[in-house]
Structures are given as C-alpha cells and as structure tokens.
C-alpha cells in the first residue's frame, strides 16, 4: 500500500535544515542552498535508512518530478548519508532567499558534475522498487 504525504513550505521550513554550496555549471557560479536532506521526508513514509538499507532494498529508486514533468531517478543508496558521501536536499532557499523562479522546492545534489539531476519546481517524490530484467534465454 502506497503512503502519501503532502509537505507544505511551512512544513519543510520547520524541519532541520542543512546548507550546501555547489557549483552550478549552467550559471557558472557557486550557489548556496539550504534545505532538508531527502532522507528526512522519506523517513516520514517509512522508507528504510542506514543499517536497514540492505539486500533487496538496494533495488529501491527515488524519482523526483517537477511541474514541467522533468523527472530524475536516484538509487536509494545515493540519498542515504550512511552509504553515500554526497548530499541530496529538498532545498527551499538559495543564497538566503526563497527560490523564486525555481518554485517552492528544488532537488539539489552535491555529487553532480553538472545539475542534470537537479529538479526545479519540485512537486512530487516517488519511491519505487525496481524489477530486474532477465536477458538469459
């Protein structure tokens, strides 16, 4: 059974924030984002974290989608700080200001060489189990 939560800007603002500075290849500038580590809202719907990420859980994917229907996929292990060194944030500010043209929320990853998997105007995050495809005869 799927669990759904709605997070308002006020809800996100009340959660513990982390700040990261990343180089944005598109703007050719360093940008400082503040937001909530993605694992925090995922925990609210029971997504395993830390030592509970093992076995088949490694076949779990997180999909982020913006209002323009641009979607990206992260492996659950990429967003769990106990496994991966980078940060994936649901940001609500950049350089101390609300995001403005990038919407209320923006998905930002510190481990990207270019912001191809950043999602502006973030509206939805889904968690799915990936099914392997068998190519054997």
Protein backbone atom coordinates (compact mmCIF):
# COMPACT_ATOMS: atom_id res chain seq x y z
CA UNK A 1 0.00 0.00 0.00
CA UNK A 2 1.42 3.36 -1.00
CA UNK A 3 1.81 6.11 1.55
CA UNK A 4 1.44 9.72 0.51
CA UNK A 5 2.24 12.87 2.42
CA UNK A 6 1.97 16.47 1.40
CA UNK A 7 4.72 18.79 2.56
CA UNK A 8 3.96 22.50 2.55
CA UNK A 9 6.61 25.21 2.52
CA UNK A 10 5.83 25.75 6.20
CA UNK A 11 6.29 22.03 6.95
CA UNK A 12 9.65 21.98 5.20
CA UNK A 13 10.77 25.21 6.89
CA UNK A 14 10.07 23.62 10.29
CA UNK A 15 12.31 20.60 9.58
CA UNK A 16 16.05 20.63 10.40
CA UNK A 17 17.96 22.23 7.54
CA UNK A 18 21.39 21.71 6.10
CA UNK A 19 23.32 24.16 3.92
CA UNK A 20 25.48 23.17 0.97
CA UNK A 21 27.49 25.17 -1.54
CA UNK A 22 27.62 23.73 -5.03
CA UNK A 23 28.95 24.87 -8.37
CA UNK A 24 26.16 25.20 -10.94
CA UNK A 25 27.57 24.51 -14.39
CA UNK A 26 24.58 26.28 -16.00
CA UNK A 27 25.05 29.57 -14.16
CA UNK A 28 28.85 29.17 -13.89
CA UNK A 29 28.66 30.19 -10.23
CA UNK A 30 28.75 28.77 -6.73
CA UNK A 31 25.29 28.67 -5.17
CA UNK A 32 24.45 28.13 -1.51
CA UNK A 33 21.31 26.10 -0.95
CA UNK A 34 19.58 25.34 2.33
CA UNK A 35 17.07 22.57 2.65
CA UNK A 36 16.13 19.29 4.20
CA UNK A 37 18.12 16.14 3.47
CA UNK A 38 15.89 13.99 1.26
CA UNK A 39 16.09 11.08 3.70
CA UNK A 40 14.08 13.07 6.26
CA UNK A 41 10.81 13.30 4.29
CA UNK A 42 11.38 9.74 3.02
CA UNK A 43 11.55 8.55 6.65
CA UNK A 44 8.09 10.05 7.23
CA UNK A 45 6.65 7.45 4.84
CA UNK A 46 8.70 4.55 6.21
CA UNK A 47 11.48 4.31 3.62
CA UNK A 48 14.36 2.30 5.16
CA UNK A 49 17.56 4.13 6.08
CA UNK A 50 21.02 3.43 7.45
CA UNK A 51 21.66 -0.15 8.50
CA UNK A 52 18.18 -1.11 7.24
CA UNK A 53 19.27 -0.48 3.65
CA UNK A 54 20.47 -3.91 2.60
CA UNK A 55 19.58 -6.77 0.30
CA UNK A 56 16.59 -6.11 -1.96
CA UNK A 57 16.28 -2.57 -0.60
CA UNK A 58 19.22 -1.68 -2.87
CA UNK A 59 16.76 -2.13 -5.74
CA UNK A 60 14.73 0.85 -4.49
CA UNK A 61 14.68 4.05 -6.53
CA UNK A 62 13.62 7.60 -5.72
CA UNK A 63 12.04 9.60 -8.54
CA UNK A 64 11.78 13.39 -8.32
CA UNK A 65 9.47 15.30 -10.67
CA UNK A 66 8.95 18.98 -11.35
CA UNK A 67 5.94 20.90 -12.64
CA UNK A 68 7.33 20.66 -16.18
CA UNK A 69 7.22 16.83 -15.87
CA UNK A 70 11.04 16.69 -15.84
CA UNK A 71 11.88 13.60 -13.79
CA UNK A 72 15.11 12.15 -12.47
CA UNK A 73 15.98 8.95 -10.67
CA UNK A 74 18.29 8.33 -7.73
CA UNK A 75 19.09 4.97 -6.19
CA UNK A 76 18.04 4.94 -2.53
CA UNK A 77 21.69 4.37 -1.60
CA UNK A 78 22.61 7.69 -3.29
CA UNK A 79 20.40 9.68 -0.93
CA UNK A 80 21.28 7.86 2.30
CA UNK A 81 24.13 9.62 4.13
CA UNK A 82 25.15 6.41 5.90
CA UNK A 83 26.03 4.94 2.47
CA UNK A 84 26.84 7.86 0.16
CA UNK A 85 29.10 10.84 0.86
CA UNK A 86 27.08 13.37 -1.14
CA UNK A 87 24.03 15.32 -0.08
CA UNK A 88 20.66 15.33 -1.81
CA UNK A 89 18.50 18.15 -0.46
CA UNK A 90 14.97 19.33 -0.92
CA UNK A 91 16.02 22.96 -0.96
CA UNK A 92 13.76 25.89 -0.16
CA UNK A 93 16.30 28.72 -0.29
CA UNK A 94 19.28 29.73 -2.41
CA UNK A 95 21.78 32.28 -1.15
CA UNK A 96 19.48 33.02 1.78
CA UNK A 97 16.43 33.85 -0.37
CA UNK A 98 13.33 31.84 -1.29
CA UNK A 99 13.83 30.07 -4.60
CA UNK A 100 11.57 32.31 -6.71
CA UNK A 101 11.56 31.16 -10.34
CA UNK A 102 12.71 27.68 -9.32
CA UNK A 103 9.47 27.12 -7.36
CA UNK A 104 8.88 26.42 -3.70
CA UNK A 105 11.21 23.41 -3.66
CA UNK A 106 14.23 22.30 -5.67
CA UNK A 107 16.06 18.97 -5.56
CA UNK A 108 19.82 19.60 -5.37
CA UNK A 109 22.65 17.06 -5.28
CA UNK A 110 26.21 17.91 -4.25
CA UNK A 111 27.74 15.00 -6.15
CA UNK A 112 26.72 16.04 -9.65
CA UNK A 113 29.35 17.47 -12.02
CA UNK A 114 26.50 19.30 -13.74
CA UNK A 115 22.99 19.88 -12.41
CA UNK A 116 21.29 17.44 -14.78
CA UNK A 117 19.56 15.62 -11.91
CA UNK A 118 18.52 18.74 -10.06
CA UNK A 119 14.78 19.33 -10.28
CA UNK A 120 13.32 22.83 -10.28
CA UNK A 121 9.71 23.39 -9.22
CA UNK A 122 9.80 20.05 -7.40
CA UNK A 123 6.25 18.78 -6.94
CA UNK A 124 6.50 15.05 -6.31
CA UNK A 125 8.86 12.43 -4.97
CA UNK A 126 8.04 8.77 -5.54
CA UNK A 127 9.72 5.66 -4.21
CA UNK A 128 9.59 2.53 -6.36
CA UNK A 129 11.04 -0.95 -6.30
CA UNK A 130 12.99 -1.63 -9.46
CA UNK A 131 12.39 -5.01 -11.07
CA UNK A 132 15.39 -6.59 -12.79
CA UNK A 133 15.11 -7.61 -16.43
CA UNK A 134 16.39 -11.07 -17.24
CA UNK A 135 18.17 -11.31 -20.60
CA UNK A 136 19.04 -15.00 -20.27
CA UNK A 137 17.43 -17.46 -22.65
